[in-house]
Amino acid sequence: MTLLTILIFALGALVVRAIPVRWRGWALLMGSLMAIYWLQPERAPLRPLGFILPTLVLAAAFLAWLLTRPDLSAPLSRDDALTGMILGGWVILMAAVGEGLRLAAPAPPILQVILGLGGVGLLAMCLVRGAVAVNRNVLLWLFIGGIVAVFVVLKSDPLATLLAASLRAAGERPLTLAGVGDLGWIGFSYVAFRLIHTLRDRQMGKLPALSLREYLTYLIFFPAYTAGPIDRAERFAKDYRALPPLDAPRFIEGVGRIVVGLLKKFVIADSLAVIALNATLAEQAQRPLHLWLIVYAYAFRLFFDFSGYSDIAIGIARLYGVALPENFTQPYLKSNITQFWQSWHATLSTWARFYVFMPVSRFMLTRKRKPAPEVVVLTAHLTTMIVIGLWHGITVNFFLWGVWHGVALFIHKLYSDRTRGFYQRLADRPLRRRLVYAAGVLLTFHVVALGWVWFALPQAAHSLQTLGRLVGIGW
């Protein structure tokens, strides 16, 4: 989000405040529908994708909502039918005048858009009939598999480049310029997490009944659309159904949080970016101390960048009456790696625990020949952290970053299981407890900071070389 975008989103709360209570939910939906088109890159190489990709998000959201309704055969309520008509009408409106109003990228011909919407409607009827006649779980798994497949293509440079080349060929554009930058699908990563959350919770019978308006607004809620946090549908729906008027305390809280986020992101993080670790600076470093400094700069730049965006999103949402979950709670002051991951991008960690760690553990523990507990824990931690790593990009370095943290979490689990008595005895020794805490913070920070070397550099060989140079090897 740019400064202008943040300002417009914040000022929009004053407009919503003047709207009667019964219409505020609709206002948030319309604001979110407008935002997902407006937030797409203005100068994308394949400009029609700026219209097509957010439209695909809306189509996926509609189909997912249909499949996650408690009673598939129940007729649509008036609210749901109205929301569906507004959704289709908005897509047609953006195709017709969105580019002229600078709200959307150029769209395909309007007739193609209308036919596409008709195709979505036919697909929706087939999915519902199929889910009623066969097994809804099968369709839900296919839907999840489709989301993962799209994710793999977007996060894999070779596959993304191949797709971009195909799209360029179809549009008679130069193939030599095809690259990952052609597929700038803003917001898809976080929408994918929310979709999988609702689809899996429906499979497990945990998802509450949501109207189409609630479900759609949850998926594309504009403050959290591009950078999270990853809220849970039932928690969001509770706030969305209330939406109290904006009062002075909440105004001060929201604006204050936005200001803190702006300082973190645009002052501290952007300043640290100049000296933070990258491939060029790693090569130019003349001695270990210099290299350590740029690694530290990168660690703090990431924190202030990510947590700054989270603060901005949380602050904007508070102005509208939605309390998004906290995402960063002093992660670099945690005394072990487990606590770190409970406070660094906490909503992503929680999502991964529910939908990766626990299913993997459960699968291994329900086998006839159960593996050793240590094998279960190691496998679950590695799988979870590798998934989080590959979410950032399907590369060797992100894979190794996941392995690094998976092993660190496993080692801490073994250590904590064997030292419970020691830490219990520290309760009566405050000075020793503080010293142990400080040592834990220092160790945890450096485990994380060294892990960022895998994260920051593009090649595994370069990362290994940099890690060696940090400890005096290879100069």
Protein backbone atom coordinates (compact mmCIF):
# COMPACT_ATOMS: atom_id res chain seq x y z
CA MET A 1 0.00 0.00 0.00
CA THR A 2 1.18 3.50 -0.84
CA LEU A 3 0.80 6.50 1.45
CA LEU A 4 -2.08 7.75 -0.72
CA THR A 5 -3.84 4.38 -0.48
CA ILE A 6 -3.45 4.31 3.30
CA LEU A 7 -4.83 7.86 3.59
CA ILE A 8 -7.86 7.06 1.42
CA PHE A 9 -8.58 3.84 3.32
CA ALA A 10 -8.38 5.68 6.65
CA LEU A 11 -10.57 8.57 5.53
CA GLY A 12 -13.13 6.09 4.24
CA ALA A 13 -13.92 5.28 7.89
CA LEU A 14 -15.37 8.78 8.28
CA VAL A 15 -17.71 8.10 5.35
CA VAL A 16 -18.80 4.77 6.80
CA ARG A 17 -19.40 6.45 10.16
CA ALA A 18 -22.12 8.58 8.57
CA ILE A 19 -23.90 5.52 7.13
CA PRO A 20 -26.76 3.95 9.12
CA VAL A 21 -25.76 0.81 11.03
CA ARG A 22 -27.72 -1.59 8.82
CA TRP A 23 -25.81 -0.43 5.71
CA ARG A 24 -22.26 -0.39 7.12
CA GLY A 25 -21.61 -4.02 6.23
CA TRP A 26 -22.64 -3.30 2.66
CA ALA A 27 -20.33 -0.29 2.63
CA LEU A 28 -17.37 -2.45 3.67
CA LEU A 29 -18.20 -4.97 0.96
CA MET A 30 -18.39 -2.26 -1.71
CA GLY A 31 -15.18 -0.67 -0.46
CA SER A 32 -13.42 -4.04 -0.63
CA LEU A 33 -14.76 -4.75 -4.13
CA MET A 34 -13.45 -1.40 -5.28
CA ALA A 35 -10.10 -1.85 -3.56
CA ILE A 36 -9.13 -5.22 -5.03
CA TYR A 37 -9.25 -3.75 -8.54
CA TRP A 38 -7.67 -0.45 -7.57
CA LEU A 39 -4.76 -2.11 -5.71
CA GLN A 40 -3.53 -4.03 -8.75
CA PRO A 41 -0.28 -2.72 -10.34
CA GLU A 42 -0.93 0.27 -12.58
CA ARG A 43 1.81 -0.47 -15.10
CA ALA A 44 1.73 -4.24 -15.25
CA PRO A 45 3.28 -5.63 -18.47
CA LEU A 46 0.09 -7.56 -19.27
CA ARG A 47 -2.40 -4.92 -18.21
CA PRO A 48 -5.64 -6.90 -18.76
CA LEU A 49 -4.47 -9.24 -15.98
CA GLY A 50 -5.07 -6.33 -13.59
CA PHE A 51 -8.78 -6.85 -14.29
CA ILE A 52 -8.83 -10.61 -14.87
CA LEU A 53 -6.97 -11.68 -11.72
CA PRO A 54 -9.15 -9.87 -9.13
CA THR A 55 -12.21 -11.06 -11.06
CA LEU A 56 -10.94 -14.63 -10.68
CA VAL A 57 -10.62 -14.00 -6.92
CA LEU A 58 -14.29 -13.01 -6.81
CA ALA A 59 -15.31 -16.04 -8.86
CA ALA A 60 -13.32 -18.37 -6.58
CA ALA A 61 -14.84 -16.70 -3.50
CA PHE A 62 -18.38 -17.17 -4.81
CA LEU A 63 -17.81 -20.83 -5.69
CA ALA A 64 -16.09 -21.53 -2.37
CA TRP A 65 -18.98 -19.96 -0.46
CA LEU A 66 -21.46 -22.17 -2.31
CA LEU A 67 -19.47 -25.29 -1.40
CA THR A 68 -19.09 -24.29 2.25
CA ARG A 69 -22.75 -23.60 3.00
CA PRO A 70 -24.07 -25.92 5.73
CA ASP A 71 -27.02 -26.98 3.55
CA LEU A 72 -26.09 -27.13 -0.11
CA SER A 73 -29.66 -27.68 -1.27
CA ALA A 74 -31.13 -24.71 0.61
CA PRO A 75 -32.33 -21.84 -1.60
CA LEU A 76 -30.45 -18.56 -1.50
CA SER A 77 -31.67 -15.98 0.98
CA ARG A 78 -32.66 -12.52 -0.23
CA ASP A 79 -29.42 -11.13 1.22
CA ASP A 80 -27.33 -13.74 -0.61
CA ALA A 81 -29.18 -13.26 -3.89
CA LEU A 82 -28.76 -9.49 -3.66
CA THR A 83 -25.05 -9.89 -2.88
CA GLY A 84 -24.63 -12.18 -5.88
CA MET A 85 -26.32 -9.66 -8.19
CA ILE A 86 -24.17 -6.83 -6.80
CA LEU A 87 -21.07 -8.97 -7.31
CA GLY A 88 -21.88 -9.67 -10.97
CA GLY A 89 -22.98 -6.08 -11.57
CA TRP A 90 -19.77 -4.71 -10.07
CA VAL A 91 -17.62 -6.87 -12.34
CA ILE A 92 -19.56 -5.66 -15.39
CA LEU A 93 -19.31 -2.05 -14.18
CA MET A 94 -15.53 -2.32 -13.75
CA ALA A 95 -15.26 -3.83 -17.22
CA ALA A 96 -17.32 -1.01 -18.71
CA VAL A 97 -16.01 2.11 -16.94
CA GLY A 98 -13.37 1.00 -14.43
CA GLU A 99 -10.43 1.98 -16.61
CA GLY A 100 -11.91 5.40 -17.41
CA LEU A 101 -12.48 6.11 -13.71
CA ARG A 102 -8.93 4.87 -12.93
CA LEU A 103 -10.40 2.17 -10.68
CA ALA A 104 -9.45 -0.87 -12.73
CA ALA A 105 -7.12 -2.08 -15.45
CA PRO A 106 -8.40 -2.45 -19.02
CA ALA A 107 -10.82 -5.34 -19.31
CA PRO A 108 -11.56 -7.78 -22.11
CA PRO A 109 -14.56 -6.90 -24.32
CA ILE A 110 -17.70 -6.51 -22.23
CA LEU A 111 -19.41 -9.41 -24.02
CA GLN A 112 -16.58 -11.75 -23.02
CA VAL A 113 -16.90 -10.60 -19.41
CA ILE A 114 -20.65 -11.28 -19.41
CA LEU A 115 -20.12 -14.71 -20.97
CA GLY A 116 -17.45 -15.42 -18.36
CA LEU A 117 -19.88 -14.55 -15.57
CA GLY A 118 -22.41 -16.86 -17.17
CA GLY A 119 -19.82 -19.61 -17.20
CA VAL A 120 -19.19 -19.10 -13.49
CA GLY A 121 -22.92 -19.39 -12.87
CA LEU A 122 -23.12 -22.66 -14.80
CA LEU A 123 -20.09 -24.00 -12.97
CA ALA A 124 -21.69 -23.03 -9.66
CA MET A 125 -24.85 -25.03 -10.49
CA CYS A 126 -22.77 -28.05 -11.53
CA LEU A 127 -20.68 -27.89 -8.35
CA VAL A 128 -23.72 -27.70 -6.09
CA ARG A 129 -25.47 -30.56 -7.87
CA GLY A 130 -22.28 -32.60 -7.83
CA ALA A 131 -21.72 -31.95 -4.13
CA VAL A 132 -25.30 -32.99 -3.33
CA ALA A 133 -25.20 -36.07 -5.54
CA VAL A 134 -21.71 -37.32 -4.75
CA ASN A 135 -19.51 -36.25 -1.84
CA ARG A 136 -18.87 -32.66 -0.96
CA ASN A 137 -15.46 -33.54 0.52
CA VAL A 138 -14.21 -34.67 -2.87
CA LEU A 139 -15.06 -31.29 -4.42
CA LEU A 140 -13.58 -29.44 -1.46
CA TRP A 141 -10.31 -31.36 -1.86
CA LEU A 142 -10.30 -30.63 -5.60
CA PHE A 143 -10.85 -26.94 -4.83
CA ILE A 144 -7.97 -26.93 -2.33
CA GLY A 145 -5.78 -28.78 -4.84
CA GLY A 146 -6.58 -26.16 -7.46
CA ILE A 147 -5.59 -23.34 -5.11
CA VAL A 148 -2.32 -25.09 -4.29
CA ALA A 149 -1.63 -25.68 -7.99
CA VAL A 150 -2.11 -21.98 -8.81
CA PHE A 151 0.10 -21.13 -5.86
CA VAL A 152 2.87 -23.45 -7.11
CA VAL A 153 2.79 -21.87 -10.57
CA LEU A 154 2.91 -18.31 -9.23
CA LYS A 155 5.71 -19.06 -6.74
CA SER A 156 7.88 -21.06 -9.15
CA ASP A 157 9.93 -18.83 -11.46
CA PRO A 158 10.19 -21.37 -14.33
CA LEU A 159 6.46 -22.17 -14.29
CA ALA A 160 5.47 -18.52 -13.89
CA THR A 161 7.74 -17.52 -16.76
CA LEU A 162 6.29 -20.28 -18.95
CA LEU A 163 2.75 -19.11 -18.19
CA ALA A 164 3.73 -15.48 -18.83
CA ALA A 165 5.24 -16.47 -22.18
CA SER A 166 2.00 -18.25 -23.13
CA LEU A 167 -0.06 -15.19 -22.22
CA ARG A 168 2.31 -12.94 -24.16
CA ALA A 169 2.04 -15.21 -27.19
CA ALA A 170 -1.75 -15.05 -27.01
CA GLY A 171 -1.59 -11.26 -26.85
CA GLU A 172 1.12 -11.03 -29.55
CA ARG A 173 3.61 -9.45 -27.17
CA PRO A 174 7.42 -9.97 -27.15
CA LEU A 175 8.17 -13.38 -25.64
CA THR A 176 11.72 -12.40 -24.68
CA LEU A 177 10.36 -10.10 -21.97
CA ALA A 178 8.26 -12.81 -20.30
CA GLY A 179 8.95 -13.14 -16.60
CA VAL A 180 7.52 -13.46 -13.11
CA GLY A 181 6.73 -9.75 -13.08
CA ASP A 182 4.01 -10.33 -15.66
CA LEU A 183 1.92 -12.21 -13.06
CA GLY A 184 1.61 -9.69 -10.26
CA TRP A 185 -1.47 -11.17 -8.58
CA ILE A 186 -1.76 -8.76 -5.66
CA GLY A 187 -3.49 -10.31 -2.65
CA PHE A 188 -3.72 -13.89 -3.91
CA SER A 189 -1.42 -15.34 -1.24
CA TYR A 190 -3.57 -14.15 1.65
CA VAL A 191 -6.84 -14.92 -0.10
CA ALA A 192 -5.55 -18.47 -0.72
CA PHE A 193 -4.90 -18.96 3.00
CA ARG A 194 -8.38 -17.75 3.88
CA LEU A 195 -9.98 -19.94 1.23
CA ILE A 196 -8.15 -23.04 2.44
CA HIS A 197 -9.09 -22.20 6.04
CA THR A 198 -12.81 -22.08 5.22
CA LEU A 199 -12.74 -25.13 2.95
CA ARG A 200 -10.90 -27.26 5.50
CA ASP A 201 -13.08 -26.06 8.37
CA ARG A 202 -16.18 -27.02 6.39
CA GLN A 203 -14.70 -30.49 5.88
CA MET A 204 -14.17 -30.76 9.65
CA GLY A 205 -17.61 -29.33 10.48
CA LYS A 206 -16.15 -26.29 12.22
CA LEU A 207 -17.14 -23.49 9.86
CA PRO A 208 -20.16 -21.48 11.04
CA ALA A 209 -22.91 -20.47 8.66
CA LEU A 210 -21.88 -17.31 6.78
CA SER A 211 -23.86 -15.22 4.34
CA LEU A 212 -22.30 -14.54 0.95
CA ARG A 213 -21.77 -10.92 2.01
CA GLU A 214 -19.94 -11.95 5.21
CA TYR A 215 -17.85 -14.56 3.44
CA LEU A 216 -16.88 -12.31 0.55
CA THR A 217 -16.00 -9.35 2.78
CA TYR A 218 -13.90 -11.64 4.98
CA LEU A 219 -11.90 -12.89 1.99
CA ILE A 220 -11.20 -9.51 0.38
CA PHE A 221 -11.36 -7.13 3.38
CA PHE A 222 -9.26 -4.31 1.98
CA PRO A 223 -7.06 -3.35 4.98
CA ALA A 224 -5.69 -6.93 5.14
CA TYR A 225 -5.96 -7.84 1.46
CA THR A 226 -2.32 -7.31 0.45
CA ALA A 227 -0.29 -8.08 3.59
CA GLY A 228 -2.49 -9.77 6.20
CA PRO A 229 -3.03 -10.48 9.05
CA ILE A 230 -4.78 -13.78 8.27
CA ASP A 231 -7.98 -13.55 10.28
CA ARG A 232 -10.36 -16.44 11.01
CA ALA A 233 -13.79 -16.32 9.39
CA GLU A 234 -15.79 -16.81 12.60
CA ARG A 235 -13.88 -14.09 14.43
CA PHE A 236 -14.20 -11.64 11.53
CA ALA A 237 -17.92 -12.35 11.13
CA LYS A 238 -18.55 -11.50 14.78
CA ASP A 239 -17.05 -8.02 14.32
CA TYR A 240 -18.63 -7.58 10.90
CA ARG A 241 -22.13 -8.18 12.28
CA ALA A 242 -21.65 -5.47 14.91
CA LEU A 243 -19.62 -2.64 13.30
CA PRO A 244 -20.13 -0.08 16.07
CA PRO A 245 -19.99 3.63 15.22
CA LEU A 246 -16.58 5.27 15.22
CA ASP A 247 -16.03 6.93 18.59
CA ALA A 248 -13.12 9.01 19.91
CA PRO A 249 -11.25 6.19 21.73
CA ARG A 250 -11.33 3.91 18.70
CA PHE A 251 -10.38 6.80 16.41
CA ILE A 252 -7.34 7.59 18.55
CA GLU A 253 -6.40 3.91 18.77
CA GLY A 254 -6.73 3.34 15.03
CA VAL A 255 -4.92 6.51 13.95
CA GLY A 256 -2.19 5.92 16.52
CA ARG A 257 -1.62 2.41 15.21
CA ILE A 258 -1.47 3.69 11.64
CA VAL A 259 1.08 6.35 12.58
CA VAL A 260 3.27 3.75 14.33
CA GLY A 261 3.04 1.53 11.26
CA LEU A 262 3.98 4.40 8.94
CA LEU A 263 7.05 5.18 11.04
CA LYS A 264 8.09 1.54 11.11
CA LYS A 265 7.64 0.95 7.38
CA PHE A 266 8.43 4.22 5.65
CA VAL A 267 11.02 5.66 8.04
CA ILE A 268 12.86 2.87 9.84
CA ALA A 269 12.48 -0.09 7.43
CA ASP A 270 13.10 1.95 4.29
CA SER A 271 16.17 3.54 5.88
CA LEU A 272 17.57 0.16 6.95
CA ALA A 273 16.99 -1.17 3.42
CA VAL A 274 19.96 0.88 2.23
CA ILE A 275 22.40 -1.13 4.40
CA ALA A 276 20.48 -4.40 4.76
CA LEU A 277 21.82 -7.73 3.49
CA ASN A 278 21.60 -8.41 -0.23
CA ALA A 279 23.80 -10.19 -2.75
CA THR A 280 25.77 -7.05 -3.67
CA LEU A 281 26.46 -5.89 -0.11
CA ALA A 282 27.42 -9.42 0.94
CA GLU A 283 30.08 -9.46 -1.78
CA GLN A 284 31.32 -5.97 -0.91
CA ALA A 285 31.73 -6.64 2.83
CA GLN A 286 35.41 -6.39 3.76
CA ARG A 287 35.44 -8.09 7.17
CA PRO A 288 33.18 -10.18 9.42
CA LEU A 289 32.04 -7.21 11.53
CA HIS A 290 30.80 -5.40 8.42
CA LEU A 291 28.95 -8.53 7.31
CA TRP A 292 27.35 -8.99 10.74
CA LEU A 293 26.12 -5.39 10.66
CA ILE A 294 24.33 -5.83 7.33
CA VAL A 295 22.80 -9.10 8.57
CA TYR A 296 21.51 -7.31 11.68
CA ALA A 297 20.21 -4.48 9.48
CA TYR A 298 18.31 -7.00 7.36
CA ALA A 299 16.81 -8.69 10.42
CA PHE A 300 15.47 -5.41 11.78
CA ARG A 301 14.44 -4.15 8.36
CA LEU A 302 12.23 -7.23 7.90
CA PHE A 303 10.68 -6.76 11.32
CA PHE A 304 9.89 -3.08 10.88
CA ASP A 305 8.66 -3.64 7.32
CA PHE A 306 6.30 -6.57 8.05
CA SER A 307 5.14 -5.37 11.44
CA GLY A 308 4.69 -1.85 10.07
CA TYR A 309 2.32 -3.08 7.38
CA SER A 310 0.47 -5.15 9.99
CA ASP A 311 0.11 -2.11 12.25
CA ILE A 312 -1.30 -0.09 9.36
CA ALA A 313 -3.80 -2.83 8.45
CA ILE A 314 -4.86 -3.31 12.08
CA GLY A 315 -5.22 0.45 12.58
CA ILE A 316 -7.34 0.96 9.46
CA ALA A 317 -9.54 -2.01 10.38
CA ARG A 318 -10.05 -0.61 13.89
CA LEU A 319 -11.42 2.61 12.36
CA TYR A 320 -14.11 0.51 10.69
CA GLY A 321 -14.88 -1.51 13.82
CA VAL A 322 -12.98 -4.70 12.97
CA ALA A 323 -10.32 -5.92 15.41
CA LEU A 324 -7.85 -7.84 13.25
CA PRO A 325 -5.60 -10.22 15.21
CA GLU A 326 -2.11 -9.15 16.29
CA ASN A 327 0.66 -10.33 14.00
CA PHE A 328 3.92 -9.24 15.66
CA THR A 329 4.42 -9.08 19.43
CA GLN A 330 8.08 -8.28 20.18
CA PRO A 331 9.43 -11.40 18.42
CA TYR A 332 13.09 -10.47 18.85
CA LEU A 333 12.64 -10.38 22.63
CA LYS A 334 11.54 -14.01 22.85
CA SER A 335 13.84 -16.43 24.65
CA ASN A 336 13.31 -19.45 22.41
CA ILE A 337 12.46 -20.24 18.81
CA THR A 338 8.99 -21.59 19.64
CA GLN A 339 8.00 -18.32 21.31
CA PHE A 340 9.51 -16.44 18.38
CA TRP A 341 7.19 -18.20 15.93
CA GLN A 342 4.23 -17.56 18.20
CA SER A 343 4.90 -13.83 17.86
CA TRP A 344 6.42 -13.41 14.35
CA HIS A 345 3.73 -13.28 11.67
CA ALA A 346 1.64 -15.03 14.29
CA THR A 347 -1.45 -15.43 12.12
CA LEU A 348 0.58 -17.28 9.47
CA SER A 349 2.17 -19.46 12.16
CA THR A 350 -1.26 -20.24 13.63
CA TRP A 351 -2.63 -21.10 10.18
CA ALA A 352 0.32 -23.41 9.52
CA ARG A 353 -0.10 -25.09 12.90
CA PHE A 354 -3.79 -25.83 12.26
CA TYR A 355 -3.56 -26.87 8.61
CA VAL A 356 -0.05 -28.36 8.29
CA PHE A 357 1.55 -29.29 11.62
CA MET A 358 -1.49 -30.89 13.25
CA PRO A 359 -2.65 -32.88 10.16
CA VAL A 360 0.87 -34.20 9.57
CA SER A 361 1.23 -35.18 13.24
CA ARG A 362 -2.22 -36.77 13.28
CA PHE A 363 -1.52 -38.73 10.10
CA MET A 364 1.72 -40.16 11.50
CA LEU A 365 0.23 -40.98 14.90
CA THR A 366 -2.73 -42.87 13.39
CA ARG A 367 -0.58 -45.23 11.36
CA LYS A 368 -0.56 -48.87 12.42
CA ARG A 369 3.18 -48.75 12.95
CA LYS A 370 3.61 -45.43 14.72
CA PRO A 371 7.00 -43.78 14.27
CA ALA A 372 8.99 -42.71 17.32
CA PRO A 373 7.67 -39.50 18.93
CA GLU A 374 10.86 -37.68 17.95
CA VAL A 375 10.37 -38.66 14.31
CA VAL A 376 6.78 -37.37 14.38
CA VAL A 377 7.83 -34.04 15.89
CA LEU A 378 10.76 -33.57 13.50
CA THR A 379 8.68 -34.45 10.43
CA ALA A 380 5.83 -32.16 11.46
CA HIS A 381 8.15 -29.23 12.20
CA LEU A 382 10.11 -29.68 8.97
CA THR A 383 6.96 -29.98 6.86
CA THR A 384 5.38 -26.92 8.46
CA MET A 385 8.40 -24.66 8.11
CA ILE A 386 9.20 -25.84 4.58
CA VAL A 387 5.61 -25.00 3.57
CA ILE A 388 6.02 -21.52 5.10
CA GLY A 389 9.35 -21.13 3.31
CA LEU A 390 8.01 -22.20 -0.07
CA TRP A 391 5.03 -19.87 0.40
CA HIS A 392 7.53 -17.04 -0.10
CA GLY A 393 8.85 -18.66 -3.28
CA ILE A 394 9.63 -22.11 -4.60
CA THR A 395 13.43 -21.91 -4.51
CA VAL A 396 16.24 -23.90 -2.93
CA ASN A 397 17.00 -21.08 -0.52
CA PHE A 398 13.45 -20.80 0.81
CA PHE A 399 13.40 -24.58 1.19
CA LEU A 400 16.65 -24.47 3.18
CA TRP A 401 15.30 -21.59 5.27
CA GLY A 402 12.34 -23.82 6.15
CA VAL A 403 14.68 -26.69 7.04
CA TRP A 404 16.76 -24.33 9.20
CA HIS A 405 13.75 -23.32 11.29
CA GLY A 406 12.21 -26.79 11.34
CA VAL A 407 15.43 -28.23 12.80
CA ALA A 408 15.69 -25.32 15.26
CA LEU A 409 12.13 -25.93 16.50
CA PHE A 410 12.85 -29.66 16.87
CA ILE A 411 16.04 -29.02 18.84
CA HIS A 412 14.19 -26.64 21.14
CA LYS A 413 11.47 -29.24 21.69
CA LEU A 414 14.05 -31.82 22.74
CA TYR A 415 15.80 -29.27 24.94
CA SER A 416 12.61 -28.04 26.64
CA ASP A 417 11.45 -31.60 27.36
CA ARG A 418 14.69 -32.28 29.21
CA THR A 419 15.03 -29.01 31.12
CA ARG A 420 11.59 -28.44 32.64
CA GLY A 421 12.89 -29.07 36.15
CA PHE A 422 15.74 -26.62 35.64
CA TYR A 423 13.38 -23.82 34.57
CA GLN A 424 10.98 -24.58 37.41
CA ARG A 425 13.82 -24.15 39.92
CA LEU A 426 14.61 -20.75 38.40
CA ALA A 427 11.34 -19.39 39.80
CA ASP A 428 13.03 -18.93 43.19
CA ARG A 429 16.17 -17.35 41.72
CA PRO A 430 15.18 -14.11 39.96
CA LEU A 431 18.73 -12.99 39.05
CA ARG A 432 19.61 -16.33 37.47
CA ARG A 433 16.22 -16.40 35.74
CA ARG A 434 16.90 -13.00 34.15
CA LEU A 435 20.36 -14.10 33.02
CA VAL A 436 18.97 -17.29 31.46
CA TYR A 437 16.24 -15.25 29.76
CA ALA A 438 18.81 -12.78 28.35
CA ALA A 439 20.96 -15.64 27.07
CA GLY A 440 17.89 -17.22 25.46
CA VAL A 441 16.95 -13.96 23.74
CA LEU A 442 20.49 -13.53 22.41
CA LEU A 443 20.69 -17.11 21.13
CA THR A 444 17.21 -17.06 19.57
CA PHE A 445 17.84 -13.76 17.81
CA HIS A 446 21.03 -15.04 16.25
CA VAL A 447 19.44 -18.31 15.13
CA VAL A 448 16.76 -16.23 13.39
CA ALA A 449 19.20 -13.64 12.02
CA LEU A 450 21.46 -16.32 10.52
CA GLY A 451 18.38 -17.96 9.03
CA TRP A 452 17.61 -14.70 7.22
CA VAL A 453 20.79 -15.26 5.17
CA TRP A 454 18.96 -18.07 3.36
CA PHE A 455 15.96 -15.75 3.01
CA ALA A 456 17.81 -12.71 1.67
CA LEU A 457 20.20 -14.21 -0.89
CA PRO A 458 19.12 -15.84 -4.15
CA GLN A 459 21.61 -18.71 -4.37
CA ALA A 460 22.32 -21.49 -1.86
CA ALA A 461 26.06 -21.43 -2.60
CA HIS A 462 26.17 -17.69 -1.90
CA SER A 463 24.27 -18.18 1.35
CA LEU A 464 26.68 -20.90 2.51
CA GLN A 465 29.62 -18.69 1.61
CA THR A 466 28.13 -15.78 3.55
CA LEU A 467 27.45 -17.94 6.62
CA GLY A 468 31.04 -19.11 6.50
CA ARG A 469 32.39 -15.58 6.19
CA LEU A 470 30.32 -14.51 9.21
CA VAL A 471 32.41 -16.86 11.35
CA GLY A 472 35.73 -16.02 9.65
CA ILE A 473 35.82 -18.75 6.98
CA GLY A 474 36.47 -17.92 3.33
CA TRP A 475 37.89 -14.42 3.53
